[in-house]
Structures are given as C-alpha cells and as structure tokens.
Amino acid sequence: MRVIIIEDEKPSARRLQRMLQSLDLKAEVMLHSVEESIDWFQNNEHPDLIFLDIQLSDGLSFEIFEAIDIKSAIIFTTAYDEYALQAFKLNSIDYLLKPIDEDDLEVAVKKYLDLAPQKQAVTLDFNDIKKLLVNPIDREYKKRFSVKVGQHLKLINIDDIECFYSENKGTYLHTIEGRNYLLDTTLDHLSDELEPQNFFRINRKFFVNINAIKDMVSYTNSRLQIKLNSYNEQDVIVARERVKDFKSWLE
C-alpha cells in the first residue's frame, strides 16, 4: 500500500511516519507545502492513502486538489478541533486531531483497510469545508453543565469551570471553587460544545479555560506547564505539538 504524508511541520511528519511504521505502514514520501505537493503529484503515481494536514506553510492544502485531480483516500490530520470536524468526518475516511494519538491512528488505518476492498471513491466538497474553516458558522456553545451530586442534579455555569480533564476513563470538570464533578461525556465530544475562544485542548487529557490560567512555565521537551487558579491535582502540560497553536490562541 502506497502512503504519503502532507504536513508542513517536519517534526510532526516524522513522528507520524514512525507511528505508521509501528503499524507496518511505510510512508516514504513526505511533502511539506502546497507547491511541493502539486509538483510531486504531477510527476508521480498517486498513492492509495494520504495523511493530509489542512494548513500548510503556503496555504490551505485544498489548493492541491484544485490543481490536481486526486482519487486517493484521505485521512485528515488537523488542529482545527472546533468548527470543521464533522465536515472532515463526512468527507474523508477519518480525521485525526493533533497531537495524534496512537490508538486513534490505528482505528483510522483499520477503517481505511476495511473500506479499501470496496474501492469506493471519497467525494470531497473542499469548498464547503473551506467555508467552515475561513468563515466558521455562528453556533451556540454550552452555557452550563448538569452534574449529579448524590440523588440531586446541580447546574454549573461555564464561567465557573477552570478545566475539563480525563482520568481513569472518566471525564471531569473542575470548578473555580476547587470541586471536581464527573460528567457523562468525553473530551472529544466537548470539542463541539465549548467556546473555542475560552477553552483550549492542550493535550489529550485537558481543556483549560483561558480565564483560569494563573501562570505559564517552560517545561521539558519544548512544552509548557500551566498553573491554574485552583486546580493542582496533577501537572497540566501543553503537548509539544500544541504549543504553537496554544500561544496563538492566547493572543
């Protein structure tokens, strides 16, 4: 099976390449820009599967497909975790939210392998997806969460929540008063419910509220450690792959 990676951040591309190797998949070709990708597709046999980053150094990767008729299957790799994920899901084999998780990658590859024998062409409406990226639709986000306390239900306003985190297969919210409550949801599901200007997913385990950040400290391996106003039960670390996006989000 011929696999290529289109990703402008070379460390991220190499990391994905190593992860694919562990699944016995070789991605010998890695492309890093729209221009480079167009040139490659014009002069090479197209692959079976593309791992495609959305935002490249010289533009949106959709420009590749506007220039070249590509029939390869696509798995999106993206840091867009609020607006267009459903479009990615509907118009591709799958999407992988950065930083890419090994288990999620394995599931996406298995999904492709299950579909591959059917040779079903994936129809991509890039214009619709681009609209979602460039001009996100107005939408309503969660204003409050209901949590169970004994036999009672308690409402917690979104402004009173410092962070959401996962632990021991459970998803919790932590309030400004220092209380933790179990939720009947997942962090992935919260991606569609939280206002992206206020909440950011810093790693696989945490969403943080920008208004709850007390301090930020350089951490090992080019990461950042976040200090929140009251939450101190475990280290809150921005994944290395998310540091750049996190700093942009802060501004």
C-alpha atoms as a PDB file:
ATOM      1  CA  MET A   1       0.000   0.000   0.000  1.00  0.00           C
ATOM      2  CA  ARG A   2       1.368   3.383  -1.035  1.00  0.00           C
ATOM      3  CA  VAL A   3       1.061   6.047   1.661  1.00  0.00           C
ATOM      4  CA  ILE A   4       2.232   9.673   1.732  1.00  0.00           C
ATOM      5  CA  ILE A   5       2.186  12.376   4.383  1.00  0.00           C
ATOM      6  CA  ILE A   6       1.464  16.035   3.596  1.00  0.00           C
ATOM      7  CA  GLU A   7       2.453  18.055   6.669  1.00  0.00           C
ATOM      8  CA  ASP A   8       4.323  21.366   6.877  1.00  0.00           C
ATOM      9  CA  GLU A   9       5.824  20.755  10.321  1.00  0.00           C
ATOM     10  CA  LYS A  10       8.646  18.310   9.682  1.00  0.00           C
ATOM     11  CA  PRO A  11       8.904  17.008  13.281  1.00  0.00           C
ATOM     12  CA  SER A  12       5.174  16.205  13.205  1.00  0.00           C
ATOM     13  CA  ALA A  13       5.599  14.480   9.825  1.00  0.00           C
ATOM     14  CA  ARG A  14       8.472  12.350  11.117  1.00  0.00           C
ATOM     15  CA  ARG A  15       6.512  11.457  14.237  1.00  0.00           C
ATOM     16  CA  LEU A  16       3.537  10.327  12.147  1.00  0.00           C
ATOM     17  CA  GLN A  17       5.894   8.373   9.901  1.00  0.00           C
ATOM     18  CA  ARG A  18       7.284   6.495  12.926  1.00  0.00           C
ATOM     19  CA  MET A  19       3.775   5.815  14.231  1.00  0.00           C
ATOM     20  CA  LEU A  20       2.782   4.363  10.863  1.00  0.00           C
ATOM     21  CA  GLN A  21       5.885   2.174  10.851  1.00  0.00           C
ATOM     22  CA  SER A  22       4.692   0.630  14.105  1.00  0.00           C
ATOM     23  CA  LEU A  23       1.526  -0.345  12.183  1.00  0.00           C
ATOM     24  CA  ASP A  24       3.650  -1.868   9.381  1.00  0.00           C
ATOM     25  CA  LEU A  25       2.887   1.007   7.009  1.00  0.00           C
ATOM     26  CA  LYS A  26       5.667   2.808   5.159  1.00  0.00           C
ATOM     27  CA  ALA A  27       5.212   6.459   4.285  1.00  0.00           C
ATOM     28  CA  GLU A  28       8.389   7.051   2.324  1.00  0.00           C
ATOM     29  CA  VAL A  29       7.189  10.310   0.780  1.00  0.00           C
ATOM     30  CA  MET A  30       6.621  13.377   2.973  1.00  0.00           C
ATOM     31  CA  LEU A  31       5.539  16.659   1.394  1.00  0.00           C
ATOM     32  CA  HIS A  32       5.560  19.967   3.231  1.00  0.00           C
ATOM     33  CA  SER A  33       3.855  22.624   1.100  1.00  0.00           C
ATOM     34  CA  VAL A  34       1.134  23.159  -1.482  1.00  0.00           C
ATOM     35  CA  GLU A  35       3.686  23.920  -4.203  1.00  0.00           C
ATOM     36  CA  GLU A  36       5.820  20.878  -3.429  1.00  0.00           C
ATOM     37  CA  SER A  37       2.752  18.624  -3.340  1.00  0.00           C
ATOM     38  CA  ILE A  38       1.390  19.823  -6.678  1.00  0.00           C
ATOM     39  CA  ASP A  39       4.783  19.231  -8.305  1.00  0.00           C
ATOM     40  CA  TRP A  40       5.010  15.733  -6.791  1.00  0.00           C
ATOM     41  CA  PHE A  41       1.501  14.690  -7.896  1.00  0.00           C
ATOM     42  CA  GLN A  42       2.192  15.924 -11.429  1.00  0.00           C
ATOM     43  CA  ASN A  43       5.220  13.656 -11.718  1.00  0.00           C
ATOM     44  CA  ASN A  44       4.398  10.566  -9.652  1.00  0.00           C
ATOM     45  CA  GLU A  45       1.831   7.808  -9.403  1.00  0.00           C
ATOM     46  CA  HIS A  46      -0.784   8.806  -6.872  1.00  0.00           C
ATOM     47  CA  PRO A  47      -0.839   6.881  -3.561  1.00  0.00           C
ATOM     48  CA  ASP A  48      -3.588   4.757  -2.074  1.00  0.00           C
ATOM     49  CA  LEU A  49      -3.816   6.849   1.079  1.00  0.00           C
ATOM     50  CA  ILE A  50      -2.887  10.431   2.027  1.00  0.00           C
ATOM     51  CA  PHE A  51      -2.453  11.762   5.551  1.00  0.00           C
ATOM     52  CA  LEU A  52      -3.327  15.399   4.927  1.00  0.00           C
ATOM     53  CA  ASP A  53      -2.690  18.427   7.115  1.00  0.00           C
ATOM     54  CA  ILE A  54      -5.141  21.259   6.450  1.00  0.00           C
ATOM     55  CA  GLN A  55      -2.966  24.328   6.954  1.00  0.00           C
ATOM     56  CA  LEU A  56       0.381  24.209   5.144  1.00  0.00           C
ATOM     57  CA  SER A  57       3.124  26.822   5.130  1.00  0.00           C
ATOM     58  CA  ASP A  58       1.991  28.336   1.819  1.00  0.00           C
ATOM     59  CA  GLY A  59      -1.776  27.938   2.074  1.00  0.00           C
ATOM     60  CA  LEU A  60      -4.641  25.523   2.660  1.00  0.00           C
ATOM     61  CA  SER A  61      -3.923  22.049   1.357  1.00  0.00           C
ATOM     62  CA  PHE A  62      -7.203  22.104  -0.577  1.00  0.00           C
ATOM     63  CA  GLU A  63      -5.367  24.150  -3.197  1.00  0.00           C
ATOM     64  CA  ILE A  64      -3.560  20.934  -4.160  1.00  0.00           C
ATOM     65  CA  PHE A  65      -6.849  19.322  -5.125  1.00  0.00           C
ATOM     66  CA  GLU A  66      -7.977  22.380  -7.049  1.00  0.00           C
ATOM     67  CA  ALA A  67      -4.886  21.961  -9.248  1.00  0.00           C
ATOM     68  CA  ILE A  68      -4.687  18.164  -9.444  1.00  0.00           C
ATOM     69  CA  ASP A  69      -7.419  15.528  -9.814  1.00  0.00           C
ATOM     70  CA  ILE A  70      -6.569  13.182  -6.951  1.00  0.00           C
ATOM     71  CA  LYS A  71      -8.525   9.991  -6.275  1.00  0.00           C
ATOM     72  CA  SER A  72      -6.571   8.824  -3.222  1.00  0.00           C
ATOM     73  CA  ALA A  73      -8.288   8.157   0.085  1.00  0.00           C
ATOM     74  CA  ILE A  74      -7.683  10.854   2.691  1.00  0.00           C
ATOM     75  CA  ILE A  75      -7.254  10.896   6.448  1.00  0.00           C
ATOM     76  CA  PHE A  76      -7.138  14.473   7.681  1.00  0.00           C
ATOM     77  CA  THR A  77      -4.657  15.479  10.363  1.00  0.00           C
ATOM     78  CA  THR A  78      -5.748  18.759  11.848  1.00  0.00           C
ATOM     79  CA  ALA A  79      -5.503  21.131  14.772  1.00  0.00           C
ATOM     80  CA  TYR A  80      -8.971  22.507  13.971  1.00  0.00           C
ATOM     81  CA  ASP A  81     -10.922  20.992  16.828  1.00  0.00           C
ATOM     82  CA  GLU A  82     -13.965  23.237  16.896  1.00  0.00           C
ATOM     83  CA  TYR A  83     -15.536  24.064  13.554  1.00  0.00           C
ATOM     84  CA  ALA A  84     -15.000  21.651  10.704  1.00  0.00           C
ATOM     85  CA  LEU A  85     -14.513  18.243  12.250  1.00  0.00           C
ATOM     86  CA  GLN A  86     -17.920  16.972  11.208  1.00  0.00           C
ATOM     87  CA  ALA A  87     -17.210  18.044   7.633  1.00  0.00           C
ATOM     88  CA  PHE A  88     -13.897  16.178   7.765  1.00  0.00           C
ATOM     89  CA  LYS A  89     -15.657  13.120   9.143  1.00  0.00           C
ATOM     90  CA  LEU A  90     -18.314  13.135   6.442  1.00  0.00           C
ATOM     91  CA  ASN A  91     -15.980  13.834   3.536  1.00  0.00           C
ATOM     92  CA  SER A  92     -12.986  11.640   4.241  1.00  0.00           C
ATOM     93  CA  ILE A  93     -12.039   8.264   5.632  1.00  0.00           C
ATOM     94  CA  ASP A  94     -11.428   9.865   9.022  1.00  0.00           C
ATOM     95  CA  TYR A  95      -9.763  12.772  10.791  1.00  0.00           C
ATOM     96  CA  LEU A  96      -7.058  12.785  13.455  1.00  0.00           C
ATOM     97  CA  LEU A  97      -6.850  15.632  15.917  1.00  0.00           C
ATOM     98  CA  LYS A  98      -3.328  16.831  16.677  1.00  0.00           C
ATOM     99  CA  PRO A  99      -1.400  15.786  18.653  1.00  0.00           C
ATOM    100  CA  ILE A 100      -2.143  12.430  17.038  1.00  0.00           C
ATOM    101  CA  ASP A 101      -2.891   9.588  19.407  1.00  0.00           C
ATOM    102  CA  GLU A 102      -1.541   6.120  18.555  1.00  0.00           C
ATOM    103  CA  ASP A 103      -4.838   4.386  19.280  1.00  0.00           C
ATOM    104  CA  ASP A 104      -6.790   6.881  17.152  1.00  0.00           C
ATOM    105  CA  LEU A 105      -4.311   6.387  14.316  1.00  0.00           C
ATOM    106  CA  GLU A 106      -4.707   2.616  14.471  1.00  0.00           C
ATOM    107  CA  VAL A 107      -8.500   2.926  14.360  1.00  0.00           C
ATOM    108  CA  ALA A 108      -8.346   5.271  11.347  1.00  0.00           C
ATOM    109  CA  VAL A 109      -5.987   2.960   9.447  1.00  0.00           C
ATOM    110  CA  LYS A 110      -8.186  -0.041  10.214  1.00  0.00           C
ATOM    111  CA  LYS A 111     -11.203   1.889   8.962  1.00  0.00           C
ATOM    112  CA  TYR A 112      -9.381   2.594   5.694  1.00  0.00           C
ATOM    113  CA  LEU A 113      -8.293  -1.039   5.302  1.00  0.00           C
ATOM    114  CA  ASP A 114     -11.866  -2.186   5.872  1.00  0.00           C
ATOM    115  CA  LEU A 115     -13.146   0.179   3.171  1.00  0.00           C
ATOM    116  CA  ALA A 116     -10.295  -0.259   0.684  1.00  0.00           C
ATOM    117  CA  PRO A 117     -11.526  -3.538  -0.895  1.00  0.00           C
ATOM    118  CA  GLN A 118     -14.768  -1.793  -1.852  1.00  0.00           C
ATOM    119  CA  LYS A 119     -12.811   0.771  -3.891  1.00  0.00           C
ATOM    120  CA  GLN A 120     -15.352   3.424  -3.011  1.00  0.00           C
ATOM    121  CA  ALA A 121     -14.339   6.875  -4.176  1.00  0.00           C
ATOM    122  CA  VAL A 122     -14.422   9.520  -1.473  1.00  0.00           C
ATOM    123  CA  THR A 123     -16.260  12.626  -2.629  1.00  0.00           C
ATOM    124  CA  LEU A 124     -14.759  15.739  -1.104  1.00  0.00           C
ATOM    125  CA  ASP A 125     -16.512  19.083  -1.245  1.00  0.00           C
ATOM    126  CA  PHE A 126     -13.488  21.197  -0.474  1.00  0.00           C
ATOM    127  CA  ASN A 127     -15.328  24.468  -0.980  1.00  0.00           C
ATOM    128  CA  ASP A 128     -17.822  23.649   1.757  1.00  0.00           C
ATOM    129  CA  ILE A 129     -15.044  22.654   4.138  1.00  0.00           C
ATOM    130  CA  LYS A 130     -13.037  25.763   3.297  1.00  0.00           C
ATOM    131  CA  LYS A 131     -16.042  27.921   4.129  1.00  0.00           C
ATOM    132  CA  LEU A 132     -16.221  26.312   7.532  1.00  0.00           C
ATOM    133  CA  LEU A 133     -12.534  26.995   8.110  1.00  0.00           C
ATOM    134  CA  VAL A 134     -12.370  30.544   6.825  1.00  0.00           C
ATOM    135  CA  ASN A 135     -15.825  31.757   7.909  1.00  0.00           C
ATOM    136  CA  PRO A 136     -16.987  29.492  10.743  1.00  0.00           C
ATOM    137  CA  ILE A 137     -20.732  29.370  11.121  1.00  0.00           C
ATOM    138  CA  ASP A 138     -22.360  31.006  14.092  1.00  0.00           C
ATOM    139  CA  ARG A 139     -23.215  28.407  16.659  1.00  0.00           C
ATOM    140  CA  GLU A 140     -24.375  28.050  20.215  1.00  0.00           C
ATOM    141  CA  TYR A 141     -21.981  26.680  22.800  1.00  0.00           C
ATOM    142  CA  LYS A 142     -22.733  25.183  26.206  1.00  0.00           C
ATOM    143  CA  LYS A 143     -23.575  27.763  28.849  1.00  0.00           C
ATOM    144  CA  ARG A 144     -23.889  25.305  31.729  1.00  0.00           C
ATOM    145  CA  PHE A 145     -23.444  21.653  32.659  1.00  0.00           C
ATOM    146  CA  SER A 146     -25.608  19.481  34.873  1.00  0.00           C
ATOM    147  CA  VAL A 147     -23.793  17.149  37.271  1.00  0.00           C
ATOM    148  CA  LYS A 148     -25.071  14.531  39.651  1.00  0.00           C
ATOM    149  CA  VAL A 149     -24.444  15.041  43.362  1.00  0.00           C
ATOM    150  CA  GLY A 150     -25.856  12.096  45.253  1.00  0.00           C
ATOM    151  CA  GLN A 151     -29.528  11.954  44.278  1.00  0.00           C
ATOM    152  CA  HIS A 152     -29.533  15.592  43.176  1.00  0.00           C
ATOM    153  CA  LEU A 153     -28.655  17.431  39.970  1.00  0.00           C
ATOM    154  CA  LYS A 154     -26.527  20.548  40.190  1.00  0.00           C
ATOM    155  CA  LEU A 155     -26.116  23.169  37.450  1.00  0.00           C
ATOM    156  CA  ILE A 156     -22.666  24.664  36.934  1.00  0.00           C
ATOM    157  CA  ASN A 157     -22.217  27.719  34.744  1.00  0.00           C
ATOM    158  CA  ILE A 158     -19.483  27.541  32.140  1.00  0.00           C
ATOM    159  CA  ASP A 159     -17.784  30.650  33.593  1.00  0.00           C
ATOM    160  CA  ASP A 160     -17.326  28.773  36.885  1.00  0.00           C
ATOM    161  CA  ILE A 161     -15.303  25.959  35.270  1.00  0.00           C
ATOM    162  CA  GLU A 162     -11.499  26.092  35.268  1.00  0.00           C
ATOM    163  CA  CYS A 163     -10.827  22.979  33.246  1.00  0.00           C
ATOM    164  CA  PHE A 164     -12.116  19.677  31.950  1.00  0.00           C
ATOM    165  CA  TYR A 165      -9.929  16.590  32.253  1.00  0.00           C
ATOM    166  CA  SER A 166      -9.998  12.833  31.796  1.00  0.00           C
ATOM    167  CA  GLU A 167      -8.838  10.388  34.430  1.00  0.00           C
ATOM    168  CA  ASN A 168      -9.358   6.627  34.821  1.00  0.00           C
ATOM    169  CA  LYS A 169     -11.668   6.556  31.776  1.00  0.00           C
ATOM    170  CA  GLY A 170     -13.871   9.278  33.296  1.00  0.00           C
ATOM    171  CA  THR A 171     -14.344  12.911  32.239  1.00  0.00           C
ATOM    172  CA  TYR A 172     -14.456  15.584  34.931  1.00  0.00           C
ATOM    173  CA  LEU A 173     -14.930  19.305  35.284  1.00  0.00           C
ATOM    174  CA  HIS A 174     -13.094  21.343  37.908  1.00  0.00           C
ATOM    175  CA  THR A 175     -14.701  24.499  39.260  1.00  0.00           C
ATOM    176  CA  ILE A 176     -13.210  27.780  40.463  1.00  0.00           C
ATOM    177  CA  GLU A 177     -14.270  26.680  43.954  1.00  0.00           C
ATOM    178  CA  GLY A 178     -11.942  23.670  43.709  1.00  0.00           C
ATOM    179  CA  ARG A 179     -14.602  20.998  43.275  1.00  0.00           C
ATOM    180  CA  ASN A 180     -14.465  18.093  40.804  1.00  0.00           C
ATOM    181  CA  TYR A 181     -17.553  16.614  39.178  1.00  0.00           C
ATOM    182  CA  LEU A 182     -17.917  13.567  36.926  1.00  0.00           C
ATOM    183  CA  LEU A 183     -19.567  14.156  33.554  1.00  0.00           C
ATOM    184  CA  ASP A 184     -21.423  11.760  31.309  1.00  0.00           C
ATOM    185  CA  THR A 185     -19.445  12.716  28.195  1.00  0.00           C
ATOM    186  CA  THR A 186     -15.964  12.586  26.642  1.00  0.00           C
ATOM    187  CA  LEU A 187     -13.350  15.235  25.892  1.00  0.00           C
ATOM    188  CA  ASP A 188     -13.790  14.565  22.173  1.00  0.00           C
ATOM    189  CA  HIS A 189     -17.484  15.347  22.480  1.00  0.00           C
ATOM    190  CA  LEU A 190     -16.698  18.524  24.422  1.00  0.00           C
ATOM    191  CA  SER A 191     -14.725  19.780  21.423  1.00  0.00           C
ATOM    192  CA  ASP A 192     -18.027  20.632  19.740  1.00  0.00           C
ATOM    193  CA  GLU A 193     -19.619  22.138  22.853  1.00  0.00           C
ATOM    194  CA  LEU A 194     -17.016  24.534  24.257  1.00  0.00           C
ATOM    195  CA  GLU A 195     -16.482  28.087  23.081  1.00  0.00           C
ATOM    196  CA  PRO A 196     -13.067  27.912  21.338  1.00  0.00           C
ATOM    197  CA  GLN A 197     -12.132  31.456  22.358  1.00  0.00           C
ATOM    198  CA  ASN A 198     -12.352  30.479  26.032  1.00  0.00           C
ATOM    199  CA  PHE A 199     -11.382  26.800  26.103  1.00  0.00           C
ATOM    200  CA  PHE A 200      -8.373  25.125  24.514  1.00  0.00           C
ATOM    201  CA  ARG A 201      -7.465  21.444  24.425  1.00  0.00           C
ATOM    202  CA  ILE A 202      -3.812  21.499  25.479  1.00  0.00           C
ATOM    203  CA  ASN A 203      -3.337  17.722  25.269  1.00  0.00           C
ATOM    204  CA  ARG A 204      -5.334  14.501  25.128  1.00  0.00           C
ATOM    205  CA  LYS A 205      -6.405  14.872  28.767  1.00  0.00           C
ATOM    206  CA  PHE A 206      -7.167  18.576  29.317  1.00  0.00           C
ATOM    207  CA  PHE A 207      -9.250  21.520  28.213  1.00  0.00           C
ATOM    208  CA  VAL A 208      -8.316  24.727  30.042  1.00  0.00           C
ATOM    209  CA  ASN A 209     -10.255  27.962  30.483  1.00  0.00           C
ATOM    210  CA  ILE A 210      -8.194  30.987  29.454  1.00  0.00           C
ATOM    211  CA  ASN A 211      -9.614  32.938  32.395  1.00  0.00           C
ATOM    212  CA  ALA A 212      -8.327  30.336  34.872  1.00  0.00           C
ATOM    213  CA  ILE A 213      -4.675  30.483  33.827  1.00  0.00           C
ATOM    214  CA  LYS A 214      -2.519  31.873  36.641  1.00  0.00           C
ATOM    215  CA  ASP A 215       0.940  31.221  35.220  1.00  0.00           C
ATOM    216  CA  MET A 216       2.787  29.508  32.373  1.00  0.00           C
ATOM    217  CA  VAL A 217       6.240  27.987  32.782  1.00  0.00           C
ATOM    218  CA  SER A 218       8.666  26.454  30.281  1.00  0.00           C
ATOM    219  CA  TYR A 219       8.731  22.677  30.655  1.00  0.00           C
ATOM    220  CA  THR A 220      10.874  19.833  29.347  1.00  0.00           C
ATOM    221  CA  ASN A 221      10.913  18.906  25.626  1.00  0.00           C
ATOM    222  CA  SER A 222       9.727  22.357  24.468  1.00  0.00           C
ATOM    223  CA  ARG A 223       6.429  22.031  26.339  1.00  0.00           C
ATOM    224  CA  LEU A 224       4.616  24.445  28.647  1.00  0.00           C
ATOM    225  CA  GLN A 225       3.300  23.853  32.134  1.00  0.00           C
ATOM    226  CA  ILE A 226       0.080  25.652  33.008  1.00  0.00           C
ATOM    227  CA  LYS A 227      -0.729  26.809  36.521  1.00  0.00           C
ATOM    228  CA  LEU A 228      -4.457  27.222  37.120  1.00  0.00           C
ATOM    229  CA  ASN A 229      -6.050  29.242  39.917  1.00  0.00           C
ATOM    230  CA  SER A 230      -7.244  26.288  41.996  1.00  0.00           C
ATOM    231  CA  TYR A 231      -6.605  23.024  40.132  1.00  0.00           C
ATOM    232  CA  ASN A 232      -3.380  21.385  41.346  1.00  0.00           C
ATOM    233  CA  GLU A 233      -4.124  17.665  41.400  1.00  0.00           C
ATOM    234  CA  GLN A 234      -1.809  16.774  38.506  1.00  0.00           C
ATOM    235  CA  ASP A 235       0.543  18.565  36.129  1.00  0.00           C
ATOM    236  CA  VAL A 236      -1.236  20.482  33.388  1.00  0.00           C
ATOM    237  CA  ILE A 237       1.104  20.329  30.378  1.00  0.00           C
ATOM    238  CA  VAL A 238       0.672  21.733  26.876  1.00  0.00           C
ATOM    239  CA  ALA A 239       1.740  18.998  24.447  1.00  0.00           C
ATOM    240  CA  ARG A 240       4.741  19.958  22.337  1.00  0.00           C
ATOM    241  CA  GLU A 241       2.715  19.636  19.135  1.00  0.00           C
ATOM    242  CA  ARG A 242       0.119  22.083  20.506  1.00  0.00           C
ATOM    243  CA  VAL A 243       2.415  24.789  21.935  1.00  0.00           C
ATOM    244  CA  LYS A 244       2.402  26.901  18.753  1.00  0.00           C
ATOM    245  CA  ASP A 245      -1.387  26.802  18.452  1.00  0.00           C
ATOM    246  CA  PHE A 246      -1.765  27.430  22.178  1.00  0.00           C
ATOM    247  CA  LYS A 247       0.351  30.587  22.003  1.00  0.00           C
ATOM    248  CA  SER A 248      -1.706  31.811  19.055  1.00  0.00           C
ATOM    249  CA  TRP A 249      -4.889  31.078  20.990  1.00  0.00           C
ATOM    250  CA  LEU A 250      -3.673  33.175  23.924  1.00  0.00           C
ATOM    251  CA  GLU A 251      -3.427  36.210  21.672  1.00  0.00           C
END
